[in-house]
Amino acid sequence: MDEQRFYNESNTIKSATLQCPSCRSSESYDLRWLLRKKKNAVPPGADERDRARFQKAQSYMVLLDDKV
């Protein structure tokens, strides 16, 4: 079973304060994130191996912006 069936995906924007390593100046930027929130129940058609993977799955975020 595909791992994406365990999650509800949505895009979100969060503000982050980043600091330049060379000049040490700080700026606030809006960064795009992909939010993968774990579903409440195991998807239908899952076997025992998929149920074990679902138990271990956690909600997480993936950064979409690679350059600021």
PDB file of N, CA and C in Angstrom:
ATOM      1  N   MET A   1       0.847  -1.171   0.000  1.00  0.00           N
ATOM      2  CA  MET A   1       0.000   0.000   0.000  1.00  0.00           C
ATOM      3  C   MET A   1       0.898   1.241   0.000  1.00  0.00           C
ATOM      4  N   ASP A   2       0.477   2.246  -0.723  1.00  0.00           N
ATOM      5  CA  ASP A   2       1.233   3.487  -0.831  1.00  0.00           C
ATOM      6  C   ASP A   2       1.158   4.272   0.478  1.00  0.00           C
ATOM      7  N   GLU A   3       2.292   4.809   0.898  1.00  0.00           N
ATOM      8  CA  GLU A   3       2.366   5.553   2.161  1.00  0.00           C
ATOM      9  C   GLU A   3       1.459   6.785   2.167  1.00  0.00           C
ATOM     10  N   GLN A   4       1.213   7.381   1.011  1.00  0.00           N
ATOM     11  CA  GLN A   4       0.390   8.590   0.949  1.00  0.00           C
ATOM     12  C   GLN A   4      -1.056   8.325   1.361  1.00  0.00           C
ATOM     13  N   ARG A   5      -1.500   7.089   1.326  1.00  0.00           N
ATOM     14  CA  ARG A   5      -2.869   6.777   1.748  1.00  0.00           C
ATOM     15  C   ARG A   5      -3.035   6.864   3.258  1.00  0.00           C
ATOM     16  N   PHE A   6      -1.928   6.935   4.003  1.00  0.00           N
ATOM     17  CA  PHE A   6      -1.982   7.057   5.457  1.00  0.00           C
ATOM     18  C   PHE A   6      -2.182   8.499   5.911  1.00  0.00           C
ATOM     19  N   TYR A   7      -2.030   9.469   5.004  1.00  0.00           N
ATOM     20  CA  TYR A   7      -1.995  10.883   5.385  1.00  0.00           C
ATOM     21  C   TYR A   7      -2.998  11.721   4.601  1.00  0.00           C
ATOM     22  N   ASN A   8      -3.433  12.825   5.232  1.00  0.00           N
ATOM     23  CA  ASN A   8      -4.141  13.903   4.557  1.00  0.00           C
ATOM     24  C   ASN A   8      -3.117  15.004   4.320  1.00  0.00           C
ATOM     25  N   GLU A   9      -2.972  15.439   3.072  1.00  0.00           N
ATOM     26  CA  GLU A   9      -1.961  16.434   2.730  1.00  0.00           C
ATOM     27  C   GLU A   9      -2.600  17.799   2.520  1.00  0.00           C
ATOM     28  N   SER A  10      -1.912  18.834   2.992  1.00  0.00           N
ATOM     29  CA  SER A  10      -2.347  20.210   2.758  1.00  0.00           C
ATOM     30  C   SER A  10      -1.121  21.110   2.733  1.00  0.00           C
ATOM     31  N   ASN A  11      -1.230  22.218   2.022  1.00  0.00           N
ATOM     32  CA  ASN A  11      -0.152  23.201   1.966  1.00  0.00           C
ATOM     33  C   ASN A  11      -0.411  24.274   3.004  1.00  0.00           C
ATOM     34  N   THR A  12       0.654  24.755   3.625  1.00  0.00           N
ATOM     35  CA  THR A  12       0.538  25.809   4.621  1.00  0.00           C
ATOM     36  C   THR A  12       1.735  26.740   4.497  1.00  0.00           C
ATOM     37  N   ILE A  13       1.570  27.966   4.960  1.00  0.00           N
ATOM     38  CA  ILE A  13       2.648  28.954   4.950  1.00  0.00           C
ATOM     39  C   ILE A  13       2.913  29.365   6.388  1.00  0.00           C
ATOM     40  N   LYS A  14       4.185  29.278   6.781  1.00  0.00           N
ATOM     41  CA  LYS A  14       4.587  29.679   8.129  1.00  0.00           C
ATOM     42  C   LYS A  14       5.707  30.690   8.022  1.00  0.00           C
ATOM     43  N   SER A  15       5.687  31.645   8.916  1.00  0.00           N
ATOM     44  CA  SER A  15       6.727  32.659   8.954  1.00  0.00           C
ATOM     45  C   SER A  15       7.903  32.149   9.779  1.00  0.00           C
ATOM     46  N   ALA A  16       9.119  32.435   9.287  1.00  0.00           N
ATOM     47  CA  ALA A  16      10.328  32.019  10.000  1.00  0.00           C
ATOM     48  C   ALA A  16      11.337  33.156   9.954  1.00  0.00           C
ATOM     49  N   THR A  17      12.032  33.363  11.058  1.00  0.00           N
ATOM     50  CA  THR A  17      13.094  34.354  11.115  1.00  0.00           C
ATOM     51  C   THR A  17      14.414  33.649  10.847  1.00  0.00           C
ATOM     52  N   LEU A  18      15.079  34.063   9.764  1.00  0.00           N
ATOM     53  CA  LEU A  18      16.337  33.450   9.360  1.00  0.00           C
ATOM     54  C   LEU A  18      17.461  34.465   9.480  1.00  0.00           C
ATOM     55  N   GLN A  19      18.640  33.972   9.815  1.00  0.00           N
ATOM     56  CA  GLN A  19      19.797  34.835  10.015  1.00  0.00           C
ATOM     57  C   GLN A  19      20.863  34.516   8.971  1.00  0.00           C
ATOM     58  N   CYS A  20      21.402  35.555   8.344  1.00  0.00           N
ATOM     59  CA  CYS A  20      22.473  35.411   7.360  1.00  0.00           C
ATOM     60  C   CYS A  20      23.760  35.009   8.085  1.00  0.00           C
ATOM     61  N   PRO A  21      24.425  33.941   7.637  1.00  0.00           N
ATOM     62  CA  PRO A  21      25.642  33.510   8.325  1.00  0.00           C
ATOM     63  C   PRO A  21      26.826  34.461   8.137  1.00  0.00           C
ATOM     64  N   SER A  22      26.835  35.236   7.066  1.00  0.00           N
ATOM     65  CA  SER A  22      27.991  36.110   6.834  1.00  0.00           C
ATOM     66  C   SER A  22      27.839  37.477   7.490  1.00  0.00           C
ATOM     67  N   CYS A  23      26.670  38.114   7.349  1.00  0.00           N
ATOM     68  CA  CYS A  23      26.512  39.465   7.913  1.00  0.00           C
ATOM     69  C   CYS A  23      25.717  39.492   9.216  1.00  0.00           C
ATOM     70  N   ARG A  24      25.138  38.359   9.626  1.00  0.00           N
ATOM     71  CA  ARG A  24      24.400  38.223  10.890  1.00  0.00           C
ATOM     72  C   ARG A  24      23.118  39.066  10.962  1.00  0.00           C
ATOM     73  N   SER A  25      22.588  39.487   9.822  1.00  0.00           N
ATOM     74  CA  SER A  25      21.325  40.229   9.842  1.00  0.00           C
ATOM     75  C   SER A  25      20.161  39.233   9.825  1.00  0.00           C
ATOM     76  N   SER A  26      19.075  39.581  10.502  1.00  0.00           N
ATOM     77  CA  SER A  26      17.901  38.711  10.595  1.00  0.00           C
ATOM     78  C   SER A  26      16.757  39.291   9.783  1.00  0.00           C
ATOM     79  N   GLU A  27      16.052  38.422   9.093  1.00  0.00           N
ATOM     80  CA  GLU A  27      14.874  38.797   8.311  1.00  0.00           C
ATOM     81  C   GLU A  27      13.796  37.741   8.517  1.00  0.00           C
ATOM     82  N   SER A  28      12.549  38.159   8.354  1.00  0.00           N
ATOM     83  CA  SER A  28      11.425  37.241   8.467  1.00  0.00           C
ATOM     84  C   SER A  28      10.950  36.864   7.056  1.00  0.00           C
ATOM     85  N   TYR A  29      10.759  35.579   6.822  1.00  0.00           N
ATOM     86  CA  TYR A  29      10.339  35.076   5.519  1.00  0.00           C
ATOM     87  C   TYR A  29       9.141  34.158   5.693  1.00  0.00           C
ATOM     88  N   ASP A  30       8.259  34.152   4.683  1.00  0.00           N
ATOM     89  CA  ASP A  30       7.144  33.210   4.647  1.00  0.00           C
ATOM     90  C   ASP A  30       7.592  31.984   3.859  1.00  0.00           C
ATOM     91  N   LEU A  31       7.583  30.823   4.500  1.00  0.00           N
ATOM     92  CA  LEU A  31       8.033  29.579   3.881  1.00  0.00           C
ATOM     93  C   LEU A  31       6.844  28.658   3.637  1.00  0.00           C
ATOM     94  N   ARG A  32       6.844  27.998   2.483  1.00  0.00           N
ATOM     95  CA  ARG A  32       5.773  27.059   2.135  1.00  0.00           C
ATOM     96  C   ARG A  32       6.125  25.669   2.654  1.00  0.00           C
ATOM     97  N   TRP A  33       5.155  25.030   3.297  1.00  0.00           N
ATOM     98  CA  TRP A  33       5.329  23.690   3.863  1.00  0.00           C
ATOM     99  C   TRP A  33       4.218  22.774   3.358  1.00  0.00           C
ATOM    100  N   LEU A  34       4.537  21.501   3.199  1.00  0.00           N
ATOM    101  CA  LEU A  34       3.549  20.466   2.928  1.00  0.00           C
ATOM    102  C   LEU A  34       3.291  19.760   4.253  1.00  0.00           C
ATOM    103  N   LEU A  35       2.069  19.840   4.734  1.00  0.00           N
ATOM    104  CA  LEU A  35       1.694  19.227   6.008  1.00  0.00           C
ATOM    105  C   LEU A  35       1.049  17.877   5.722  1.00  0.00           C
ATOM    106  N   ARG A  36       1.639  16.819   6.259  1.00  0.00           N
ATOM    107  CA  ARG A  36       1.081  15.474   6.140  1.00  0.00           C
ATOM    108  C   ARG A  36       0.598  15.045   7.512  1.00  0.00           C
ATOM    109  N   LYS A  37      -0.732  15.044   7.653  1.00  0.00           N
ATOM    110  CA  LYS A  37      -1.348  14.704   8.931  1.00  0.00           C
ATOM    111  C   LYS A  37      -1.886  13.270   8.856  1.00  0.00           C
ATOM    112  N   LYS A  38      -1.516  12.466   9.841  1.00  0.00           N
ATOM    113  CA  LYS A  38      -1.909  11.057   9.867  1.00  0.00           C
ATOM    114  C   LYS A  38      -3.426  10.939   9.996  1.00  0.00           C
ATOM    115  N   LYS A  39      -4.007  10.027   9.218  1.00  0.00           N
ATOM    116  CA  LYS A  39      -5.447   9.784   9.281  1.00  0.00           C
ATOM    117  C   LYS A  39      -5.799   9.100  10.598  1.00  0.00           C
ATOM    118  N   ASN A  40      -7.063   9.176  10.973  1.00  0.00           N
ATOM    119  CA  ASN A  40      -7.517   8.599  12.241  1.00  0.00           C
ATOM    120  C   ASN A  40      -7.622   7.080  12.201  1.00  0.00           C
ATOM    121  N   ALA A  41      -7.875   6.515  11.017  1.00  0.00           N
ATOM    122  CA  ALA A  41      -8.077   5.067  10.918  1.00  0.00           C
ATOM    123  C   ALA A  41      -7.257   4.501   9.760  1.00  0.00           C
ATOM    124  N   VAL A  42      -6.997   3.206   9.829  1.00  0.00           N
ATOM    125  CA  VAL A  42      -6.267   2.518   8.766  1.00  0.00           C
ATOM    126  C   VAL A  42      -7.126   2.529   7.499  1.00  0.00           C
ATOM    127  N   PRO A  43      -6.537   2.841   6.336  1.00  0.00           N
ATOM    128  CA  PRO A  43      -7.310   2.825   5.097  1.00  0.00           C
ATOM    129  C   PRO A  43      -7.842   1.425   4.786  1.00  0.00           C
ATOM    130  N   PRO A  44      -8.991   1.331   4.135  1.00  0.00           N
ATOM    131  CA  PRO A  44      -9.529   0.013   3.790  1.00  0.00           C
ATOM    132  C   PRO A  44      -8.606  -0.713   2.810  1.00  0.00           C
ATOM    133  N   GLY A  45      -8.577  -2.025   2.909  1.00  0.00           N
ATOM    134  CA  GLY A  45      -7.746  -2.834   2.025  1.00  0.00           C
ATOM    135  C   GLY A  45      -6.334  -3.033   2.539  1.00  0.00           C
ATOM    136  N   ALA A  46      -6.073  -2.657   3.780  1.00  0.00           N
ATOM    137  CA  ALA A  46      -4.728  -2.797   4.349  1.00  0.00           C
ATOM    138  C   ALA A  46      -4.542  -4.198   4.924  1.00  0.00           C
ATOM    139  N   ASP A  47      -3.350  -4.771   4.684  1.00  0.00           N
ATOM    140  CA  ASP A  47      -3.039  -6.072   5.274  1.00  0.00           C
ATOM    141  C   ASP A  47      -2.294  -5.858   6.595  1.00  0.00           C
ATOM    142  N   GLU A  48      -1.808  -6.941   7.198  1.00  0.00           N
ATOM    143  CA  GLU A  48      -1.154  -6.843   8.513  1.00  0.00           C
ATOM    144  C   GLU A  48       0.111  -5.995   8.463  1.00  0.00           C
ATOM    145  N   ARG A  49       0.874  -6.108   7.378  1.00  0.00           N
ATOM    146  CA  ARG A  49       2.102  -5.317   7.249  1.00  0.00           C
ATOM    147  C   ARG A  49       1.771  -3.820   7.157  1.00  0.00           C
ATOM    148  N   ASP A  50       0.711  -3.482   6.405  1.00  0.00           N
ATOM    149  CA  ASP A  50       0.289  -2.082   6.291  1.00  0.00           C
ATOM    150  C   ASP A  50      -0.223  -1.550   7.623  1.00  0.00           C
ATOM    151  N   ARG A  51      -0.914  -2.381   8.384  1.00  0.00           N
ATOM    152  CA  ARG A  51      -1.404  -1.960   9.702  1.00  0.00           C
ATOM    153  C   ARG A  51      -0.240  -1.653  10.643  1.00  0.00           C
ATOM    154  N   ALA A  52       0.818  -2.449  10.579  1.00  0.00           N
ATOM    155  CA  ALA A  52       2.001  -2.198  11.410  1.00  0.00           C
ATOM    156  C   ALA A  52       2.687  -0.900  10.991  1.00  0.00           C
ATOM    157  N   ARG A  53       2.786  -0.652   9.688  1.00  0.00           N
ATOM    158  CA  ARG A  53       3.376   0.603   9.203  1.00  0.00           C
ATOM    159  C   ARG A  53       2.528   1.798   9.619  1.00  0.00           C
ATOM    160  N   PHE A  54       1.189   1.630   9.602  1.00  0.00           N
ATOM    161  CA  PHE A  54       0.296   2.721   9.994  1.00  0.00           C
ATOM    162  C   PHE A  54       0.464   3.050  11.476  1.00  0.00           C
ATOM    163  N   GLN A  55       0.662   2.042  12.312  1.00  0.00           N
ATOM    164  CA  GLN A  55       0.858   2.270  13.749  1.00  0.00           C
ATOM    165  C   GLN A  55       2.100   3.116  14.002  1.00  0.00           C
ATOM    166  N   LYS A  56       3.158   2.920  13.217  1.00  0.00           N
ATOM    167  CA  LYS A  56       4.409   3.651  13.395  1.00  0.00           C
ATOM    168  C   LYS A  56       4.396   5.028  12.734  1.00  0.00           C
ATOM    169  N   ALA A  57       3.468   5.265  11.832  1.00  0.00           N
ATOM    170  CA  ALA A  57       3.429   6.531  11.083  1.00  0.00           C
ATOM    171  C   ALA A  57       3.119   7.701  12.015  1.00  0.00           C
ATOM    172  N   GLN A  58       3.719   8.864  11.707  1.00  0.00           N
ATOM    173  CA  GLN A  58       3.495  10.087  12.472  1.00  0.00           C
ATOM    174  C   GLN A  58       3.230  11.237  11.512  1.00  0.00           C
ATOM    175  N   SER A  59       2.531  12.252  11.989  1.00  0.00           N
ATOM    176  CA  SER A  59       2.334  13.464  11.203  1.00  0.00           C
ATOM    177  C   SER A  59       3.653  14.214  11.101  1.00  0.00           C
ATOM    178  N   TYR A  60       3.875  14.849   9.940  1.00  0.00           N
ATOM    179  CA  TYR A  60       5.116  15.601   9.756  1.00  0.00           C
ATOM    180  C   TYR A  60       4.937  16.673   8.687  1.00  0.00           C
ATOM    181  N   MET A  61       5.944  17.549   8.585  1.00  0.00           N
ATOM    182  CA  MET A  61       5.934  18.640   7.613  1.00  0.00           C
ATOM    183  C   MET A  61       7.170  18.535   6.723  1.00  0.00           C
ATOM    184  N   VAL A  62       7.007  18.912   5.437  1.00  0.00           N
ATOM    185  CA  VAL A  62       8.100  18.905   4.470  1.00  0.00           C
ATOM    186  C   VAL A  62       8.230  20.323   3.924  1.00  0.00           C
ATOM    187  N   LEU A  63       9.438  20.861   3.950  1.00  0.00           N
ATOM    188  CA  LEU A  63       9.694  22.203   3.436  1.00  0.00           C
ATOM    189  C   LEU A  63       9.685  22.167   1.914  1.00  0.00           C
ATOM    190  N   LEU A  64       8.850  23.016   1.285  1.00  0.00           N
ATOM    191  CA  LEU A  64       8.751  23.053  -0.169  1.00  0.00           C
ATOM    192  C   LEU A  64       9.705  24.073  -0.784  1.00  0.00           C
ATOM    193  N   ASP A  65       9.991  25.160  -0.085  1.00  0.00           N
ATOM    194  CA  ASP A  65      10.894  26.190  -0.593  1.00  0.00           C
ATOM    195  C   ASP A  65      12.333  25.768  -0.342  1.00  0.00           C
ATOM    196  N   ASP A  66      13.121  25.640  -1.419  1.00  0.00           N
ATOM    197  CA  ASP A  66      14.516  25.271  -1.229  1.00  0.00           C
ATOM    198  C   ASP A  66      15.440  26.483  -1.290  1.00  0.00           C
ATOM    199  N   LYS A  67      14.932  27.621  -1.779  1.00  0.00           N
ATOM    200  CA  LYS A  67      15.705  28.868  -1.776  1.00  0.00           C
ATOM    201  C   LYS A  67      14.829  29.979  -1.231  1.00  0.00           C
ATOM    202  N   VAL A  68      15.433  30.863  -0.437  1.00  0.00           N
ATOM    203  CA  VAL A  68      14.684  31.974   0.161  1.00  0.00           C
ATOM    204  C   VAL A  68      15.186  33.266  -0.424  1.00  0.00           C
TER     205      VAL A  68
END
